Protein backbone atom coordinates (compact mmCIF):
# COMPACT_ATOMS: atom_id res chain seq x y z
CA ALA A 1 -67.98 28.75 10.60
CA SER A 2 -65.44 29.83 13.07
CA TYR A 3 -63.34 28.49 15.85
CA SER A 4 -61.52 30.28 18.63
CA ASN A 5 -59.31 28.95 21.39
CA PRO A 6 -58.97 29.06 24.37
CA THR A 7 -62.75 28.35 24.83
CA TYR A 8 -64.97 27.93 27.75
CA ASP A 9 -68.11 26.06 28.95
CA PRO A 10 -71.03 28.30 28.28
CA ASN A 11 -73.53 26.21 30.44
CA PRO A 12 -72.92 28.16 33.75
CA LEU A 13 -74.08 31.35 31.89
CA ALA A 14 -77.44 29.85 31.31
CA SER A 15 -77.95 29.14 35.02
CA HIS A 16 -81.27 30.22 36.52
CA ASP A 17 -79.29 31.67 39.48
CA THR A 18 -78.60 35.03 38.03
CA ASN A 19 -75.97 35.98 40.49
CA PHE A 20 -74.03 32.75 39.75
CA ALA A 21 -74.30 33.49 36.06
CA SER A 22 -73.09 37.07 36.70
CA ASP A 23 -70.11 35.80 38.64
CA VAL A 24 -69.12 33.35 35.90
CA PHE A 25 -69.42 36.15 33.37
CA THR A 26 -67.18 38.30 35.37
CA LEU A 27 -64.58 35.71 35.89
CA LEU A 28 -64.52 34.82 32.17
CA ASN A 29 -63.89 38.52 31.22
CA ALA A 30 -61.22 38.78 33.86
CA ALA A 31 -59.23 35.76 32.68
CA PRO A 32 -55.91 36.65 31.35
CA ASP A 33 -56.22 34.34 28.26
CA GLN A 34 -59.61 35.97 27.37
CA PRO A 35 -61.49 32.77 26.66
CA ALA A 36 -64.64 34.90 25.92
CA LEU A 37 -62.94 36.79 23.20
CA GLN A 38 -64.00 35.49 19.78
CA ARG A 39 -60.68 35.90 18.12
CA SER A 40 -61.94 35.05 14.59
CA TRP A 41 -63.64 38.42 13.99
CA ARG A 42 -63.20 40.41 17.29
CA GLU A 43 -59.36 40.74 17.34
CA ILE A 44 -56.95 42.11 14.89
CA TYR A 45 -53.45 40.73 14.20
CA PRO A 46 -50.49 41.49 11.85
CA PRO A 47 -51.05 39.13 8.88
CA GLY A 48 -47.53 38.70 7.66
CA SER A 49 -46.89 37.44 4.34
CA THR A 50 -50.59 36.33 3.77
CA PHE A 51 -51.06 40.11 3.07
CA LYS A 52 -49.01 39.73 -0.01
CA VAL A 53 -52.04 38.42 -1.70
CA VAL A 54 -53.57 41.86 -1.09
CA THR A 55 -50.38 43.69 -2.15
CA THR A 56 -50.26 41.63 -5.29
CA GLY A 57 -53.89 42.37 -6.17
CA ILE A 58 -53.38 46.07 -5.77
CA GLY A 59 -50.08 46.07 -7.63
CA LEU A 60 -51.42 44.24 -10.62
CA GLU A 61 -54.06 46.94 -11.04
CA SER A 62 -51.93 49.93 -10.45
CA VAL A 63 -49.29 51.96 -12.20
CA LEU A 64 -46.16 51.79 -9.94
CA THR A 65 -43.62 54.53 -9.79
CA PRO A 66 -40.15 53.85 -8.35
CA GLU A 67 -38.32 56.73 -6.92
CA GLY A 68 -36.12 58.17 -9.73
CA GLY A 69 -37.43 55.54 -12.23
CA GLU A 70 -40.01 55.16 -14.96
CA PRO A 71 -43.50 54.19 -14.13
CA TYR A 72 -44.35 50.55 -14.77
CA ARG A 73 -47.02 47.95 -14.93
CA LEU A 74 -46.49 44.86 -12.60
CA THR A 75 -46.92 41.55 -14.27
CA VAL A 76 -46.08 38.04 -13.08
CA ASP A 77 -42.94 38.08 -15.22
CA ASN A 78 -41.71 41.77 -15.23
CA PRO A 79 -39.94 43.52 -13.86
CA VAL A 80 -37.33 41.32 -12.35
CA TYR A 81 -36.45 42.46 -8.90
CA PRO A 82 -32.84 42.20 -7.64
CA GLU A 83 -31.93 39.23 -5.35
CA LEU A 84 -31.28 40.93 -2.01
CA ARG A 85 -30.97 39.99 1.72
CA GLU A 86 -32.32 43.32 2.75
CA LEU A 87 -33.93 46.33 1.28
CA GLU A 88 -32.83 49.90 2.23
CA LEU A 89 -35.68 51.94 3.48
CA PRO A 90 -35.99 55.61 2.69
CA LEU A 91 -36.00 58.29 5.33
CA THR A 92 -34.24 56.05 7.73
CA ASP A 93 -30.98 53.99 8.15
CA ARG A 94 -32.94 50.82 8.69
CA THR A 95 -33.59 47.90 6.20
CA LEU A 96 -36.22 45.36 5.55
CA ARG A 97 -34.85 41.83 5.73
CA ASN A 98 -36.09 38.48 4.27
CA PHE A 99 -37.09 35.58 6.43
CA GLY A 100 -34.07 33.94 7.94
CA ASP A 101 -31.80 36.54 6.21
CA SER A 102 -32.13 34.65 2.99
CA GLU A 103 -31.41 36.17 -0.40
CA CYS A 104 -34.26 36.32 -2.91
CA GLY A 105 -35.85 38.35 -5.68
CA GLY A 106 -36.79 37.76 -9.30
CA ALA A 107 -40.09 38.43 -11.01
CA LEU A 108 -43.44 38.48 -9.10
CA ALA A 109 -44.13 34.86 -9.73
CA GLN A 110 -40.87 33.71 -8.19
CA SER A 111 -41.03 36.26 -5.33
CA PHE A 112 -44.56 35.31 -4.39
CA ARG A 113 -43.68 31.63 -4.50
CA GLU A 114 -40.75 32.29 -2.12
CA SER A 115 -42.57 34.93 -0.17
CA CYS A 116 -39.69 37.36 -0.74
CA ASN A 117 -39.95 40.35 1.60
CA THR A 118 -37.51 42.62 -0.41
CA THR A 119 -39.49 42.34 -3.45
CA PHE A 120 -42.87 43.12 -1.74
CA GLY A 121 -41.29 45.82 0.26
CA GLN A 122 -40.19 47.52 -3.08
CA ILE A 123 -43.65 47.02 -4.52
CA GLY A 124 -45.00 48.79 -1.46
CA LEU A 125 -42.63 51.72 -1.95
CA ASP A 126 -43.43 51.89 -5.67
CA LEU A 127 -47.20 51.87 -4.97
CA GLY A 128 -46.85 54.68 -2.46
CA GLU A 129 -50.24 56.28 -1.85
CA GLY A 130 -51.72 53.61 -4.16
CA LEU A 131 -51.22 51.08 -1.44
CA ALA A 132 -53.23 53.08 1.03
CA ARG A 133 -56.06 53.61 -1.53
CA GLY A 134 -56.00 50.01 -2.59
CA ILE A 135 -56.44 48.33 0.81
CA GLU A 136 -59.80 50.09 1.25
CA ASN A 137 -61.07 47.64 -1.47
CA TYR A 138 -60.02 44.79 0.80
CA GLY A 139 -61.86 46.09 3.79
CA LEU A 140 -59.05 48.07 5.63
CA ASN A 141 -59.60 51.53 6.91
CA VAL A 142 -63.32 51.31 6.04
CA PRO A 143 -66.32 50.23 8.10
CA PRO A 144 -66.38 46.45 8.42
CA PRO A 145 -69.37 44.64 6.79
CA ASP A 146 -72.70 44.83 8.66
CA SER A 147 -72.96 41.13 9.34
CA ASP A 148 -75.34 39.05 11.49
CA LEU A 149 -72.37 38.23 13.64
CA ARG A 150 -72.79 39.55 17.24
CA PRO A 151 -70.94 41.28 18.65
CA GLY A 152 -69.98 42.85 15.30
CA ILE A 153 -66.86 42.53 13.20
CA VAL A 154 -64.07 44.81 14.36
CA ALA A 155 -62.33 47.04 11.92
CA SER A 156 -59.06 46.11 10.15
CA ARG A 157 -56.48 48.80 9.49
CA GLY A 158 -53.57 49.74 7.45
CA PRO A 159 -51.52 52.75 6.31
CA GLU A 160 -53.70 55.81 5.80
CA GLN A 161 -53.89 57.97 2.69
CA GLY A 162 -51.79 61.03 2.71
CA THR A 163 -48.99 59.62 4.91
CA PHE A 164 -46.57 58.16 2.39
CA GLU A 165 -44.45 61.18 2.07
CA THR A 166 -43.44 61.10 5.71
CA GLU A 167 -43.99 57.31 6.48
CA ALA A 168 -42.62 55.64 3.35
CA PRO A 169 -40.84 52.86 5.51
CA LEU A 170 -44.11 51.83 6.94
CA PHE A 171 -45.53 51.33 3.48
CA ALA A 172 -42.75 48.85 2.68
CA GLN A 173 -43.46 46.97 5.89
CA ALA A 174 -47.19 47.22 5.30
CA ALA A 175 -46.80 45.54 1.94
CA ILE A 176 -45.57 42.39 3.67
CA GLY A 177 -48.38 42.49 6.36
CA GLN A 178 -46.33 44.15 9.17
CA ALA A 179 -46.09 47.59 10.77
CA ASP A 180 -49.56 49.49 10.54
CA VAL A 181 -51.37 46.44 9.13
CA ALA A 182 -53.61 44.63 11.51
CA VAL A 183 -56.63 42.40 10.37
CA THR A 184 -59.09 39.94 11.69
CA PRO A 185 -58.69 36.24 10.65
CA LEU A 186 -62.08 36.62 9.10
CA GLY A 187 -60.80 39.54 7.04
CA MET A 188 -58.03 37.40 5.64
CA ALA A 189 -60.43 34.60 4.96
CA MET A 190 -62.45 37.21 2.95
CA ALA A 191 -59.32 38.13 1.06
CA ALA A 192 -58.88 34.51 0.06
CA GLN A 193 -62.65 34.37 -0.83
CA ALA A 194 -62.25 37.36 -3.08
CA VAL A 195 -59.59 35.71 -5.13
CA ALA A 196 -61.74 32.49 -5.37
CA ASN A 197 -64.89 34.52 -6.14
CA GLY A 198 -63.53 36.40 -9.10
CA GLY A 199 -62.66 39.41 -7.04
CA VAL A 200 -65.84 39.83 -4.99
CA MET A 201 -66.03 39.91 -1.22
CA MET A 202 -69.36 38.80 0.22
CA VAL A 203 -70.79 39.84 3.54
CA PRO A 204 -70.03 37.08 6.06
CA HIS A 205 -73.07 35.53 7.82
CA VAL A 206 -74.05 32.59 9.99
CA LEU A 207 -77.80 32.79 9.52
CA SER A 208 -79.40 30.56 6.85
CA HIS A 209 -83.06 30.96 7.77
CA VAL A 210 -85.43 31.00 10.91
CA THR A 211 -87.64 28.09 11.85
CA ASN A 212 -90.57 28.12 14.20
CA SER A 213 -91.24 25.55 16.98
CA ASP A 214 -92.57 23.02 14.52
CA GLY A 215 -89.34 23.18 12.51
CA GLN A 216 -91.01 25.06 9.57
CA GLU A 217 -89.25 27.95 7.94
CA VAL A 218 -90.56 31.32 8.90
CA PRO A 219 -91.68 33.30 5.77
CA ASN A 220 -89.23 35.97 4.55
CA SER A 221 -86.58 34.86 7.06
CA ARG A 222 -83.94 33.48 4.72
CA TYR A 223 -80.67 35.44 4.75
CA ASP A 224 -80.27 37.68 1.73
CA VAL A 225 -76.62 37.09 0.43
CA ARG A 226 -75.08 40.44 -0.24
CA GLU A 227 -71.88 41.71 -1.82
CA TYR A 228 -69.46 43.67 0.46
CA ARG A 229 -66.87 45.04 -1.91
CA ARG A 230 -65.16 44.28 -5.29
CA ALA A 231 -61.58 43.82 -4.19
CA MET A 232 -60.04 43.10 -7.72
CA GLU A 233 -61.09 42.58 -11.26
CA PRO A 234 -61.71 38.92 -12.42
CA THR A 235 -58.64 38.80 -14.55
CA THR A 236 -56.55 39.79 -11.55
CA ALA A 237 -58.14 37.26 -9.39
CA THR A 238 -57.23 34.66 -11.91
CA THR A 239 -53.63 35.69 -11.83
CA VAL A 240 -53.47 35.70 -8.01
CA ARG A 241 -55.18 32.32 -7.92
CA ASP A 242 -52.45 30.86 -10.14
CA LEU A 243 -49.76 32.38 -7.97
CA MET A 244 -51.42 30.87 -4.84
CA VAL A 245 -51.69 27.50 -6.53
CA ASP A 246 -47.87 27.60 -7.27
CA VAL A 247 -47.23 28.50 -3.52
CA VAL A 248 -48.86 25.16 -2.46
CA ASN A 249 -47.43 23.10 -5.12
CA ASN A 250 -44.00 24.40 -5.28
CA GLY A 251 -43.38 27.07 -2.57
CA THR A 252 -43.79 27.71 1.07
CA GLY A 253 -47.41 26.20 1.23
CA ARG A 254 -46.65 22.71 0.58
CA GLY A 255 -48.01 21.80 4.02
CA GLY A 256 -51.46 22.81 2.71
CA GLN A 257 -51.56 20.10 -0.08
CA ILE A 258 -54.52 17.75 -0.09
CA PRO A 259 -54.14 14.37 -2.20
CA GLY A 260 -56.41 14.63 -5.20
CA ILE A 261 -57.54 18.25 -4.59
CA GLN A 262 -55.76 21.38 -5.78
CA VAL A 263 -55.46 23.94 -3.15
CA ALA A 264 -54.55 27.65 -3.59
CA GLY A 265 -52.96 29.21 -0.55
CA LYS A 266 -50.52 31.70 0.93
CA THR A 267 -48.39 31.26 4.02
CA GLY A 268 -47.50 33.98 6.60
CA THR A 269 -45.17 34.26 9.59
CA ALA A 270 -46.00 37.54 11.37
CA GLN A 271 -43.50 39.08 13.62
CA VAL A 272 -44.74 40.28 16.98
CA ALA A 273 -42.66 42.69 19.18
CA GLY A 274 -41.35 40.81 22.14
CA GLU A 275 -43.25 37.50 21.38
CA ASP A 276 -43.06 34.50 19.17
CA PRO A 277 -44.43 35.04 15.64
CA HIS A 278 -47.91 34.27 14.59
CA ALA A 279 -48.28 31.44 12.02
CA TRP A 280 -50.81 32.07 9.25
CA PHE A 281 -52.24 30.34 6.20
CA ILE A 282 -55.06 31.41 3.92
CA ALA A 283 -56.54 29.30 1.17
CA PHE A 284 -59.42 28.08 -0.83
CA ALA A 285 -60.22 24.78 -2.66
CA PRO A 286 -60.72 23.21 -5.05
CA ALA A 287 -58.65 25.85 -6.77
CA ASP A 288 -60.44 25.56 -10.23
CA ASN A 289 -63.90 25.34 -8.84
CA PRO A 290 -63.84 26.92 -5.21
CA VAL A 291 -66.25 25.76 -2.56
CA TYR A 292 -64.40 26.82 0.67
CA ALA A 293 -62.14 29.50 1.69
CA ILE A 294 -60.28 29.40 4.93
CA SER A 295 -57.89 31.51 7.19
CA VAL A 296 -55.84 29.73 9.93
CA LEU A 297 -53.95 31.78 12.67
CA VAL A 298 -51.94 30.01 15.36
CA GLU A 299 -51.20 32.71 17.90
CA ASN A 300 -47.49 33.02 18.66
CA GLY A 301 -46.78 29.71 16.79
CA GLY A 302 -48.43 27.30 19.14
CA ASP A 303 -46.18 24.58 20.42
CA LEU A 304 -43.40 25.47 17.95
CA GLY A 305 -42.99 28.97 19.35
CA SER A 306 -40.10 30.87 17.78
CA GLU A 307 -39.51 27.98 15.36
CA ALA A 308 -43.01 28.30 13.82
CA THR A 309 -43.75 29.32 10.36
CA GLY A 310 -47.11 29.51 8.48
CA GLY A 311 -46.01 26.61 6.28
CA ARG A 312 -45.13 24.31 9.14
CA VAL A 313 -47.89 25.09 11.59
CA ALA A 314 -51.01 26.72 9.98
CA ALA A 315 -51.02 25.24 6.60
CA PRO A 316 -51.47 21.58 7.78
CA ILE A 317 -54.42 22.70 9.84
CA ALA A 318 -56.04 24.32 6.80
CA ALA A 319 -55.43 21.09 4.84
CA ALA A 320 -57.08 19.06 7.55
CA VAL A 321 -60.16 21.24 7.61
CA LEU A 322 -60.51 21.58 3.88
CA GLY A 323 -59.83 17.87 3.34
CA GLY A 324 -62.55 17.03 5.78
CA LEU A 325 -65.11 19.37 4.29
CA LEU A 326 -64.35 18.16 0.73
CA GLY A 327 -64.35 14.41 1.75
CA ALA A 328 -60.74 13.93 0.74
CA GLY A 329 -59.09 10.67 1.91
């Protein structure tokens, strides 16, 4: 299921007056707020810190090599990253700052809970070309799934292979879902689904089956559920799930809690040049026996504007939807 706002009344498009229907179609496409644009899968956005789910999945399955240091394997407890307000970026005099100029760091578990930019920026630098290779497993820089959604799903993008040597700072920013990274809300729902599904992304679909005019199922018309990509190994998915549960229970995602149901989630507050930030939350529930995965994006923070965060704005929406689906309350 998907929802996109602003929306429009489709009835005039079904008018038997073809000239009238054509005029309405023209007006819809000319409207500055683009109500006819299905934002769920036809537009791409910087995902902000929700992308740390992807970076974590890639990091846990890679050998990371810090510049001038020894290669290492990332775990939830090691290494311990320094507590910083900003991370110096190579090839430039610029830095990568934490949200609100806060100071944070520590091991992966702590940094994920606090959504620490400096830690994940360093992971992006240590991954190097591995980040560009790894994001393809999550559907970036590759053809989108051939779904029954029409018009089709637009492609998501991130840093390309072979560019780290000259574009290293962008890899640090990409690791926190900024710079060259742009994804559909559907794509981030699929990232959450991959964690919930033991690492496997499925091809999204809206068709169940076709019925005839008598309500009978047409033979051979049922949708054949298909695998899209394996994003991560099952053991990695379990680790990322536990990190996402910790975010909802103890970190930035408390707004996504549902009484009596354990939610796994990740917040994101994505910076947009010259505009208020986007507020994101991705999640699945129940965490130990997942049924639904969700991605919520509130463009430019909605009513809260510059004061918006994913935890304040998007997480409660996800909790309301998931709670309704699961019969909570």
